[in-house]
Amino acid sequence: MDLVTDAVPVGARQIKADRILYHPGDSAAAHYHTDCHHLFYVLGGSGTLHVDDGSIRLEQGMVASVGPSEVHWFENPTHGEFSFVEFWSPPPKETVWITDDI
């Protein structure tokens, strides 16, 4: 769900925000943003944040951050939903998706 984007005219230029929901078993592709800081606030459930070569289990109320060019992705290995709000500052100009064939 878009919270603060170009499509939501709130006048914010230095931040972008989305609400993300992972269903049980969901995961995202590994990627990084070349030019922004990324902050995650967990709203409910729990899931795993993978960053570069490490992983951390996130639970409701926890906050995590990822810096520019840090490879990251999420997965929900639980039987419940995992939701969080993510913020970028400044909004990313480039997202690089990691594939196995690089």
PDB file of N, CA and C in Angstrom:
ATOM      1  N   MET A   1       0.848  -1.165   0.000  1.00  0.00           N
ATOM      2  CA  MET A   1       0.000   0.000   0.000  1.00  0.00           C
ATOM      3  C   MET A   1       0.899   1.235   0.000  1.00  0.00           C
ATOM      4  N   ASP A   2       0.704   2.101  -0.980  1.00  0.00           N
ATOM      5  CA  ASP A   2       1.467   3.345  -1.035  1.00  0.00           C
ATOM      6  C   ASP A   2       1.040   4.278   0.086  1.00  0.00           C
ATOM      7  N   LEU A   3       1.997   4.775   0.838  1.00  0.00           N
ATOM      8  CA  LEU A   3       1.718   5.733   1.903  1.00  0.00           C
ATOM      9  C   LEU A   3       2.220   7.128   1.539  1.00  0.00           C
ATOM     10  N   VAL A   4       3.484   7.217   1.133  1.00  0.00           N
ATOM     11  CA  VAL A   4       4.064   8.483   0.706  1.00  0.00           C
ATOM     12  C   VAL A   4       4.825   8.206  -0.589  1.00  0.00           C
ATOM     13  N   THR A   5       4.219   8.564  -1.723  1.00  0.00           N
ATOM     14  CA  THR A   5       4.822   8.368  -3.042  1.00  0.00           C
ATOM     15  C   THR A   5       4.428   9.544  -3.926  1.00  0.00           C
ATOM     16  N   ASP A   6       4.918   9.546  -5.152  1.00  0.00           N
ATOM     17  CA  ASP A   6       4.506  10.573  -6.104  1.00  0.00           C
ATOM     18  C   ASP A   6       3.004  10.486  -6.384  1.00  0.00           C
ATOM     19  N   ALA A   7       2.435   9.271  -6.290  1.00  0.00           N
ATOM     20  CA  ALA A   7       1.010   9.081  -6.555  1.00  0.00           C
ATOM     21  C   ALA A   7       0.122   9.536  -5.394  1.00  0.00           C
ATOM     22  N   VAL A   8       0.716   9.732  -4.231  1.00  0.00           N
ATOM     23  CA  VAL A   8      -0.019  10.211  -3.052  1.00  0.00           C
ATOM     24  C   VAL A   8       0.479  11.637  -2.793  1.00  0.00           C
ATOM     25  N   PRO A   9      -0.275  12.640  -3.222  1.00  0.00           N
ATOM     26  CA  PRO A   9       0.229  14.021  -3.232  1.00  0.00           C
ATOM     27  C   PRO A   9       0.260  14.694  -1.860  1.00  0.00           C
ATOM     28  N   VAL A  10       1.267  14.342  -1.059  1.00  0.00           N
ATOM     29  CA  VAL A  10       1.416  14.969   0.260  1.00  0.00           C
ATOM     30  C   VAL A  10       2.562  15.977   0.278  1.00  0.00           C
ATOM     31  N   GLY A  11       3.247  16.121  -0.839  1.00  0.00           N
ATOM     32  CA  GLY A  11       4.314  17.111  -0.932  1.00  0.00           C
ATOM     33  C   GLY A  11       5.664  16.666  -0.393  1.00  0.00           C
ATOM     34  N   ALA A  12       5.797  15.412   0.011  1.00  0.00           N
ATOM     35  CA  ALA A  12       7.073  14.923   0.548  1.00  0.00           C
ATOM     36  C   ALA A  12       8.049  14.683  -0.599  1.00  0.00           C
ATOM     37  N   ARG A  13       9.244  15.216  -0.463  1.00  0.00           N
ATOM     38  CA  ARG A  13      10.254  15.047  -1.509  1.00  0.00           C
ATOM     39  C   ARG A  13      11.467  14.257  -1.036  1.00  0.00           C
ATOM     40  N   GLN A  14      11.680  14.158   0.272  1.00  0.00           N
ATOM     41  CA  GLN A  14      12.871  13.504   0.805  1.00  0.00           C
ATOM     42  C   GLN A  14      12.584  12.167   1.462  1.00  0.00           C
ATOM     43  N   ILE A  15      11.334  11.670   1.336  1.00  0.00           N
ATOM     44  CA  ILE A  15      10.987  10.388   1.938  1.00  0.00           C
ATOM     45  C   ILE A  15       9.917   9.710   1.096  1.00  0.00           C
ATOM     46  N   LYS A  16       9.937   8.397   1.123  1.00  0.00           N
ATOM     47  CA  LYS A  16       8.929   7.560   0.490  1.00  0.00           C
ATOM     48  C   LYS A  16       8.566   6.486   1.502  1.00  0.00           C
ATOM     49  N   ALA A  17       7.304   6.048   1.511  1.00  0.00           N
ATOM     50  CA  ALA A  17       6.893   5.026   2.470  1.00  0.00           C
ATOM     51  C   ALA A  17       5.824   4.124   1.861  1.00  0.00           C
ATOM     52  N   ASP A  18       5.890   2.852   2.216  1.00  0.00           N
ATOM     53  CA  ASP A  18       4.916   1.844   1.798  1.00  0.00           C
ATOM     54  C   ASP A  18       4.597   0.937   2.970  1.00  0.00           C
ATOM     55  N   ARG A  19       3.395   0.351   2.949  1.00  0.00           N
ATOM     56  CA  ARG A  19       3.044  -0.712   3.896  1.00  0.00           C
ATOM     57  C   ARG A  19       3.129  -2.015   3.125  1.00  0.00           C
ATOM     58  N   ILE A  20       3.841  -2.983   3.690  1.00  0.00           N
ATOM     59  CA  ILE A  20       4.093  -4.262   3.030  1.00  0.00           C
ATOM     60  C   ILE A  20       3.489  -5.383   3.850  1.00  0.00           C
ATOM     61  N   LEU A  21       2.892  -6.362   3.167  1.00  0.00           N
ATOM     62  CA  LEU A  21       2.312  -7.536   3.813  1.00  0.00           C
ATOM     63  C   LEU A  21       2.849  -8.794   3.137  1.00  0.00           C
ATOM     64  N   TYR A  22       3.460  -9.660   3.932  1.00  0.00           N
ATOM     65  CA  TYR A  22       3.916 -10.965   3.453  1.00  0.00           C
ATOM     66  C   TYR A  22       3.000 -12.027   4.045  1.00  0.00           C
ATOM     67  N   HIS A  23       2.439 -12.857   3.183  1.00  0.00           N
ATOM     68  CA  HIS A  23       1.628 -13.988   3.633  1.00  0.00           C
ATOM     69  C   HIS A  23       2.565 -15.142   4.007  1.00  0.00           C
ATOM     70  N   PRO A  24       2.078 -16.131   4.721  1.00  0.00           N
ATOM     71  CA  PRO A  24       2.934 -17.272   5.076  1.00  0.00           C
ATOM     72  C   PRO A  24       3.638 -17.851   3.838  1.00  0.00           C
ATOM     73  N   GLY A  25       4.947 -18.024   3.949  1.00  0.00           N
ATOM     74  CA  GLY A  25       5.732 -18.604   2.869  1.00  0.00           C
ATOM     75  C   GLY A  25       6.225 -17.613   1.832  1.00  0.00           C
ATOM     76  N   ASP A  26       5.765 -16.360   1.874  1.00  0.00           N
ATOM     77  CA  ASP A  26       6.201 -15.355   0.901  1.00  0.00           C
ATOM     78  C   ASP A  26       7.667 -14.989   1.103  1.00  0.00           C
ATOM     79  N   SER A  27       8.317 -14.585   0.011  1.00  0.00           N
ATOM     80  CA  SER A  27       9.663 -14.034   0.078  1.00  0.00           C
ATOM     81  C   SER A  27       9.823 -13.033  -1.055  1.00  0.00           C
ATOM     82  N   ALA A  28      10.860 -12.226  -0.971  1.00  0.00           N
ATOM     83  CA  ALA A  28      11.143 -11.218  -1.995  1.00  0.00           C
ATOM     84  C   ALA A  28      12.487 -11.508  -2.632  1.00  0.00           C
ATOM     85  N   ALA A  29      12.704 -10.955  -3.804  1.00  0.00           N
ATOM     86  CA  ALA A  29      13.986 -11.112  -4.483  1.00  0.00           C
ATOM     87  C   ALA A  29      15.045 -10.228  -3.819  1.00  0.00           C
ATOM     88  N   ALA A  30      16.257 -10.709  -3.779  1.00  0.00           N
ATOM     89  CA  ALA A  30      17.375  -9.928  -3.236  1.00  0.00           C
ATOM     90  C   ALA A  30      17.621  -8.720  -4.130  1.00  0.00           C
ATOM     91  N   HIS A  31      17.888  -7.577  -3.486  1.00  0.00           N
ATOM     92  CA  HIS A  31      18.111  -6.341  -4.218  1.00  0.00           C
ATOM     93  C   HIS A  31      18.823  -5.328  -3.332  1.00  0.00           C
ATOM     94  N   TYR A  32      19.209  -4.210  -3.926  1.00  0.00           N
ATOM     95  CA  TYR A  32      19.746  -3.107  -3.146  1.00  0.00           C
ATOM     96  C   TYR A  32      19.403  -1.791  -3.835  1.00  0.00           C
ATOM     97  N   HIS A  33      19.475  -0.728  -3.056  1.00  0.00           N
ATOM     98  CA  HIS A  33      19.239   0.618  -3.551  1.00  0.00           C
ATOM     99  C   HIS A  33      20.571   1.351  -3.471  1.00  0.00           C
ATOM    100  N   THR A  34      20.958   1.990  -4.543  1.00  0.00           N
ATOM    101  CA  THR A  34      22.296   2.577  -4.614  1.00  0.00           C
ATOM    102  C   THR A  34      22.435   3.874  -3.841  1.00  0.00           C
ATOM    103  N   ASP A  35      21.332   4.511  -3.493  1.00  0.00           N
ATOM    104  CA  ASP A  35      21.415   5.907  -3.091  1.00  0.00           C
ATOM    105  C   ASP A  35      20.513   6.312  -1.925  1.00  0.00           C
ATOM    106  N   CYS A  36      20.095   5.373  -1.090  1.00  0.00           N
ATOM    107  CA  CYS A  36      19.191   5.772  -0.008  1.00  0.00           C
ATOM    108  C   CYS A  36      19.344   4.854   1.208  1.00  0.00           C
ATOM    109  N   HIS A  37      18.842   5.327   2.317  1.00  0.00           N
ATOM    110  CA  HIS A  37      18.717   4.531   3.529  1.00  0.00           C
ATOM    111  C   HIS A  37      17.302   3.989   3.579  1.00  0.00           C
ATOM    112  N   HIS A  38      17.164   2.782   4.100  1.00  0.00           N
ATOM    113  CA  HIS A  38      15.890   2.073   4.103  1.00  0.00           C
ATOM    114  C   HIS A  38      15.612   1.666   5.550  1.00  0.00           C
ATOM    115  N   LEU A  39      14.447   2.038   6.066  1.00  0.00           N
ATOM    116  CA  LEU A  39      14.071   1.756   7.447  1.00  0.00           C
ATOM    117  C   LEU A  39      12.788   0.947   7.447  1.00  0.00           C
ATOM    118  N   PHE A  40      12.710  -0.061   8.331  1.00  0.00           N
ATOM    119  CA  PHE A  40      11.547  -0.942   8.413  1.00  0.00           C
ATOM    120  C   PHE A  40      11.013  -0.935   9.847  1.00  0.00           C
ATOM    121  N   TYR A  41       9.703  -0.739   9.996  1.00  0.00           N
ATOM    122  CA  TYR A  41       9.050  -0.821  11.299  1.00  0.00           C
ATOM    123  C   TYR A  41       8.008  -1.923  11.215  1.00  0.00           C
ATOM    124  N   VAL A  42       8.159  -2.962  12.041  1.00  0.00           N
ATOM    125  CA  VAL A  42       7.288  -4.132  11.977  1.00  0.00           C
ATOM    126  C   VAL A  42       5.973  -3.842  12.694  1.00  0.00           C
ATOM    127  N   LEU A  43       4.885  -3.974  11.943  1.00  0.00           N
ATOM    128  CA  LEU A  43       3.539  -3.737  12.470  1.00  0.00           C
ATOM    129  C   LEU A  43       2.939  -4.970  13.121  1.00  0.00           C
ATOM    130  N   GLY A  44       3.194  -6.140  12.523  1.00  0.00           N
ATOM    131  CA  GLY A  44       2.601  -7.353  13.067  1.00  0.00           C
ATOM    132  C   GLY A  44       3.291  -8.600  12.561  1.00  0.00           C
ATOM    133  N   GLY A  45       3.151  -9.673  13.319  1.00  0.00           N
ATOM    134  CA  GLY A  45       3.752 -10.947  12.954  1.00  0.00           C
ATOM    135  C   GLY A  45       5.254 -10.929  13.110  1.00  0.00           C
ATOM    136  N   SER A  46       5.910 -11.850  12.413  1.00  0.00           N
ATOM    137  CA  SER A  46       7.361 -11.911  12.416  1.00  0.00           C
ATOM    138  C   SER A  46       7.841 -12.453  11.081  1.00  0.00           C
ATOM    139  N   GLY A  47       9.078 -12.103  10.742  1.00  0.00           N
ATOM    140  CA  GLY A  47       9.670 -12.553   9.496  1.00  0.00           C
ATOM    141  C   GLY A  47      11.171 -12.389   9.574  1.00  0.00           C
ATOM    142  N   THR A  48      11.838 -12.742   8.502  1.00  0.00           N
ATOM    143  CA  THR A  48      13.293 -12.706   8.468  1.00  0.00           C
ATOM    144  C   THR A  48      13.763 -11.658   7.471  1.00  0.00           C
ATOM    145  N   LEU A  49      14.663 -10.789   7.924  1.00  0.00           N
ATOM    146  CA  LEU A  49      15.345  -9.842   7.061  1.00  0.00           C
ATOM    147  C   LEU A  49      16.742 -10.382   6.807  1.00  0.00           C
ATOM    148  N   HIS A  50      17.071 -10.566   5.547  1.00  0.00           N
ATOM    149  CA  HIS A  50      18.408 -10.986   5.141  1.00  0.00           C
ATOM    150  C   HIS A  50      19.135  -9.744   4.628  1.00  0.00           C
ATOM    151  N   VAL A  51      20.345  -9.498   5.140  1.00  0.00           N
ATOM    152  CA  VAL A  51      21.158  -8.357   4.719  1.00  0.00           C
ATOM    153  C   VAL A  51      22.567  -8.850   4.450  1.00  0.00           C
ATOM    154  N   ASP A  52      23.033  -8.643   3.223  1.00  0.00           N
ATOM    155  CA  ASP A  52      24.340  -9.127   2.808  1.00  0.00           C
ATOM    156  C   ASP A  52      24.492 -10.592   3.233  1.00  0.00           C
ATOM    157  N   ASP A  53      25.383 -10.904   4.167  1.00  0.00           N
ATOM    158  CA  ASP A  53      25.616 -12.299   4.550  1.00  0.00           C
ATOM    159  C   ASP A  53      24.971 -12.684   5.874  1.00  0.00           C
ATOM    160  N   GLY A  54      24.112 -11.846   6.438  1.00  0.00           N
ATOM    161  CA  GLY A  54      23.502 -12.140   7.725  1.00  0.00           C
ATOM    162  C   GLY A  54      21.984 -12.113   7.661  1.00  0.00           C
ATOM    163  N   SER A  55      21.360 -12.588   8.722  1.00  0.00           N
ATOM    164  CA  SER A  55      19.898 -12.615   8.813  1.00  0.00           C
ATOM    165  C   SER A  55      19.482 -12.238  10.224  1.00  0.00           C
ATOM    166  N   ILE A  56      18.288 -11.639  10.330  1.00  0.00           N
ATOM    167  CA  ILE A  56      17.738 -11.309  11.638  1.00  0.00           C
ATOM    168  C   ILE A  56      16.232 -11.547  11.590  1.00  0.00           C
ATOM    169  N   ARG A  57      15.736 -12.144  12.666  1.00  0.00           N
ATOM    170  CA  ARG A  57      14.290 -12.339  12.789  1.00  0.00           C
ATOM    171  C   ARG A  57      13.701 -11.067  13.379  1.00  0.00           C
ATOM    172  N   LEU A  58      12.700 -10.517  12.699  1.00  0.00           N
ATOM    173  CA  LEU A  58      12.041  -9.311  13.146  1.00  0.00           C
ATOM    174  C   LEU A  58      10.657  -9.640  13.691  1.00  0.00           C
ATOM    175  N   GLU A  59      10.302  -8.996  14.800  1.00  0.00           N
ATOM    176  CA  GLU A  59       9.002  -9.201  15.449  1.00  0.00           C
ATOM    177  C   GLU A  59       8.286  -7.862  15.566  1.00  0.00           C
ATOM    178  N   GLN A  60       7.003  -7.932  15.838  1.00  0.00           N
ATOM    179  CA  GLN A  60       6.188  -6.732  15.984  1.00  0.00           C
ATOM    180  C   GLN A  60       6.862  -5.719  16.914  1.00  0.00           C
ATOM    181  N   GLY A  61       6.909  -4.450  16.481  1.00  0.00           N
ATOM    182  CA  GLY A  61       7.499  -3.375  17.260  1.00  0.00           C
ATOM    183  C   GLY A  61       8.975  -3.142  17.022  1.00  0.00           C
ATOM    184  N   MET A  62       9.640  -4.051  16.318  1.00  0.00           N
ATOM    185  CA  MET A  62      11.072  -3.890  16.053  1.00  0.00           C
ATOM    186  C   MET A  62      11.299  -2.972  14.850  1.00  0.00           C
ATOM    187  N   VAL A  63      12.480  -2.372  14.811  1.00  0.00           N
ATOM    188  CA  VAL A  63      12.902  -1.506  13.714  1.00  0.00           C
ATOM    189  C   VAL A  63      14.240  -2.023  13.195  1.00  0.00           C
ATOM    190  N   ALA A  64      14.404  -1.994  11.877  1.00  0.00           N
ATOM    191  CA  ALA A  64      15.680  -2.376  11.261  1.00  0.00           C
ATOM    192  C   ALA A  64      15.995  -1.362  10.175  1.00  0.00           C
ATOM    193  N   SER A  65      17.283  -1.224   9.873  1.00  0.00           N
ATOM    194  CA  SER A  65      17.671  -0.308   8.794  1.00  0.00           C
ATOM    195  C   SER A  65      18.699  -0.967   7.891  1.00  0.00           C
ATOM    196  N   VAL A  66      18.684  -0.531   6.647  1.00  0.00           N
ATOM    197  CA  VAL A  66      19.606  -1.014   5.620  1.00  0.00           C
ATOM    198  C   VAL A  66      20.186   0.219   4.943  1.00  0.00           C
ATOM    199  N   GLY A  67      21.476   0.223   4.750  1.00  0.00           N
ATOM    200  CA  GLY A  67      22.137   1.362   4.129  1.00  0.00           C
ATOM    201  C   GLY A  67      22.237   1.236   2.625  1.00  0.00           C
ATOM    202  N   PRO A  68      22.707   2.291   1.978  1.00  0.00           N
ATOM    203  CA  PRO A  68      22.891   2.256   0.532  1.00  0.00           C
ATOM    204  C   PRO A  68      23.783   1.089   0.103  1.00  0.00           C
ATOM    205  N   SER A  69      23.368   0.409  -0.939  1.00  0.00           N
ATOM    206  CA  SER A  69      24.091  -0.706  -1.574  1.00  0.00           C
ATOM    207  C   SER A  69      24.157  -1.973  -0.739  1.00  0.00           C
ATOM    208  N   GLU A  70      23.468  -2.053   0.400  1.00  0.00           N
ATOM    209  CA  GLU A  70      23.400  -3.311   1.152  1.00  0.00           C
ATOM    210  C   GLU A  70      22.331  -4.209   0.524  1.00  0.00           C
ATOM    211  N   VAL A  71      22.744  -5.392   0.109  1.00  0.00           N
ATOM    212  CA  VAL A  71      21.809  -6.353  -0.477  1.00  0.00           C
ATOM    213  C   VAL A  71      20.874  -6.847   0.620  1.00  0.00           C
ATOM    214  N   HIS A  72      19.562  -6.859   0.346  1.00  0.00           N
ATOM    215  CA  HIS A  72      18.590  -7.275   1.356  1.00  0.00           C
ATOM    216  C   HIS A  72      17.351  -7.886   0.709  1.00  0.00           C
ATOM    217  N   TRP A  73      16.659  -8.685   1.502  1.00  0.00           N
ATOM    218  CA  TRP A  73      15.369  -9.250   1.118  1.00  0.00           C
ATOM    219  C   TRP A  73      14.698  -9.805   2.361  1.00  0.00           C
ATOM    220  N   PHE A  74      13.387 -10.041   2.250  1.00  0.00           N
ATOM    221  CA  PHE A  74      12.589 -10.561   3.359  1.00  0.00           C
ATOM    222  C   PHE A  74      12.003 -11.907   3.007  1.00  0.00           C
ATOM    223  N   GLU A  75      11.678 -12.661   4.047  1.00  0.00           N
ATOM    224  CA  GLU A  75      10.869 -13.865   3.871  1.00  0.00           C
ATOM    225  C   GLU A  75      10.006 -14.056   5.111  1.00  0.00           C
ATOM    226  N   ASN A  76       8.898 -14.720   4.912  1.00  0.00           N
ATOM    227  CA  ASN A  76       8.003 -15.042   6.017  1.00  0.00           C
ATOM    228  C   ASN A  76       7.911 -16.557   6.137  1.00  0.00           C
ATOM    229  N   PRO A  77       8.723 -17.155   7.011  1.00  0.00           N
ATOM    230  CA  PRO A  77       8.695 -18.604   7.178  1.00  0.00           C
ATOM    231  C   PRO A  77       7.629 -19.079   8.176  1.00  0.00           C
ATOM    232  N   THR A  78       6.778 -18.157   8.652  1.00  0.00           N
ATOM    233  CA  THR A  78       5.797 -18.493   9.685  1.00  0.00           C
ATOM    234  C   THR A  78       4.451 -18.863   9.069  1.00  0.00           C
ATOM    235  N   HIS A  79       3.506 -19.229   9.930  1.00  0.00           N
ATOM    236  CA  HIS A  79       2.150 -19.566   9.490  1.00  0.00           C
ATOM    237  C   HIS A  79       1.210 -18.373   9.585  1.00  0.00           C
ATOM    238  N   GLY A  80       1.723 -17.206  10.015  1.00  0.00           N
ATOM    239  CA  GLY A  80       0.912 -16.001  10.131  1.00  0.00           C
ATOM    240  C   GLY A  80       1.388 -14.930   9.170  1.00  0.00           C
ATOM    241  N   GLU A  81       0.656 -13.839   9.097  1.00  0.00           N
ATOM    242  CA  GLU A  81       1.050 -12.727   8.250  1.00  0.00           C
ATOM    243  C   GLU A  81       2.161 -11.900   8.916  1.00  0.00           C
ATOM    244  N   PHE A  82       2.999 -11.305   8.091  1.00  0.00           N
ATOM    245  CA  PHE A  82       4.106 -10.461   8.517  1.00  0.00           C
ATOM    246  C   PHE A  82       3.945  -9.121   7.802  1.00  0.00           C
ATOM    247  N   SER A  83       3.807  -8.044   8.567  1.00  0.00           N
ATOM    248  CA  SER A  83       3.595  -6.740   7.933  1.00  0.00           C
ATOM    249  C   SER A  83       4.523  -5.690   8.537  1.00  0.00           C
ATOM    250  N   PHE A  84       4.908  -4.744   7.697  1.00  0.00           N
ATOM    251  CA  PHE A  84       5.772  -3.665   8.151  1.00  0.00           C
ATOM    252  C   PHE A  84       5.565  -2.442   7.276  1.00  0.00           C
ATOM    253  N   VAL A  85       5.998  -1.303   7.794  1.00  0.00           N
ATOM    254  CA  VAL A  85       6.071  -0.081   7.011  1.00  0.00           C
ATOM    255  C   VAL A  85       7.531   0.122   6.670  1.00  0.00           C
ATOM    256  N   GLU A  86       7.796   0.434   5.398  1.00  0.00           N
ATOM    257  CA  GLU A  86       9.173   0.724   4.990  1.00  0.00           C
ATOM    258  C   GLU A  86       9.267   2.173   4.534  1.00  0.00           C
ATOM    259  N   PHE A  87      10.367   2.788   4.927  1.00  0.00           N
ATOM    260  CA  PHE A  87      10.647   4.179   4.586  1.00  0.00           C
ATOM    261  C   PHE A  87      11.975   4.241   3.845  1.00  0.00           C
ATOM    262  N   TRP A  88      12.051   5.078   2.821  1.00  0.00           N
ATOM    263  CA  TRP A  88      13.304   5.345   2.119  1.00  0.00           C
ATOM    264  C   TRP A  88      13.608   6.829   2.248  1.00  0.00           C
ATOM    265  N   SER A  89      14.871   7.155   2.489  1.00  0.00           N
ATOM    266  CA  SER A  89      15.258   8.561   2.530  1.00  0.00           C
ATOM    267  C   SER A  89      16.668   8.704   1.986  1.00  0.00           C
ATOM    268  N   PRO A  90      16.836   9.479   0.937  1.00  0.00           N
ATOM    269  CA  PRO A  90      15.800  10.006   0.063  1.00  0.00           C
ATOM    270  C   PRO A  90      15.181   8.871  -0.742  1.00  0.00           C
ATOM    271  N   PRO A  91      14.073   9.124  -1.454  1.00  0.00           N
ATOM    272  CA  PRO A  91      13.487   8.061  -2.270  1.00  0.00           C
ATOM    273  C   PRO A  91      14.526   7.482  -3.240  1.00  0.00           C
ATOM    274  N   PRO A  92      14.517   6.172  -3.431  1.00  0.00           N
ATOM    275  CA  PRO A  92      15.546   5.553  -4.276  1.00  0.00           C
ATOM    276  C   PRO A  92      15.422   5.978  -5.736  1.00  0.00           C
ATOM    277  N   LYS A  93      16.579   6.230  -6.345  1.00  0.00           N
ATOM    278  CA  LYS A  93      16.616   6.517  -7.779  1.00  0.00           C
ATOM    279  C   LYS A  93      16.907   5.256  -8.571  1.00  0.00           C
ATOM    280  N   GLU A  94      17.578   4.297  -7.896  1.00  0.00           N
ATOM    281  CA  GLU A  94      17.918   3.055  -8.591  1.00  0.00           C
ATOM    282  C   GLU A  94      17.824   1.871  -7.630  1.00  0.00           C
ATOM    283  N   THR A  95      17.115   0.842  -8.067  1.00  0.00           N
ATOM    284  CA  THR A  95      17.054  -0.433  -7.358  1.00  0.00           C
ATOM    285  C   THR A  95      17.680  -1.476  -8.265  1.00  0.00           C
ATOM    286  N   VAL A  96      18.632  -2.237  -7.734  1.00  0.00           N
ATOM    287  CA  VAL A  96      19.325  -3.264  -8.488  1.00  0.00           C
ATOM    288  C   VAL A  96      18.865  -4.618  -7.969  1.00  0.00           C
ATOM    289  N   TRP A  97      18.278  -5.419  -8.849  1.00  0.00           N
ATOM    290  CA  TRP A  97      17.771  -6.750  -8.487  1.00  0.00           C
ATOM    291  C   TRP A  97      18.876  -7.773  -8.725  1.00  0.00           C
ATOM    292  N   ILE A  98      19.085  -8.641  -7.749  1.00  0.00           N
ATOM    293  CA  ILE A  98      20.124  -9.660  -7.805  1.00  0.00           C
ATOM    294  C   ILE A  98      19.527 -10.924  -8.418  1.00  0.00           C
ATOM    295  N   THR A  99      20.201 -11.466  -9.405  1.00  0.00           N
ATOM    296  CA  THR A  99      19.756 -12.721 -10.020  1.00  0.00           C
ATOM    297  C   THR A  99      20.878 -13.731  -9.962  1.00  0.00           C
ATOM    298  N   ASP A 100      20.540 -15.002 -10.061  1.00  0.00           N
ATOM    299  CA  ASP A 100      21.534 -16.077  -9.984  1.00  0.00           C
ATOM    300  C   ASP A 100      22.464 -16.103 -11.192  1.00  0.00           C
ATOM    301  N   ASP A 101      22.068 -15.453 -12.291  1.00  0.00           N
ATOM    302  CA  ASP A 101      22.868 -15.532 -13.496  1.00  0.00           C
ATOM    303  C   ASP A 101      23.843 -14.372 -13.659  1.00  0.00           C
ATOM    304  N   ILE A 102      24.114 -13.628 -12.572  1.00  0.00           N
ATOM    305  CA  ILE A 102      25.088 -12.526 -12.667  1.00  0.00           C
ATOM    306  C   ILE A 102      26.496 -13.077 -12.559  1.00  0.00           C
TER     307      ILE A 102
END
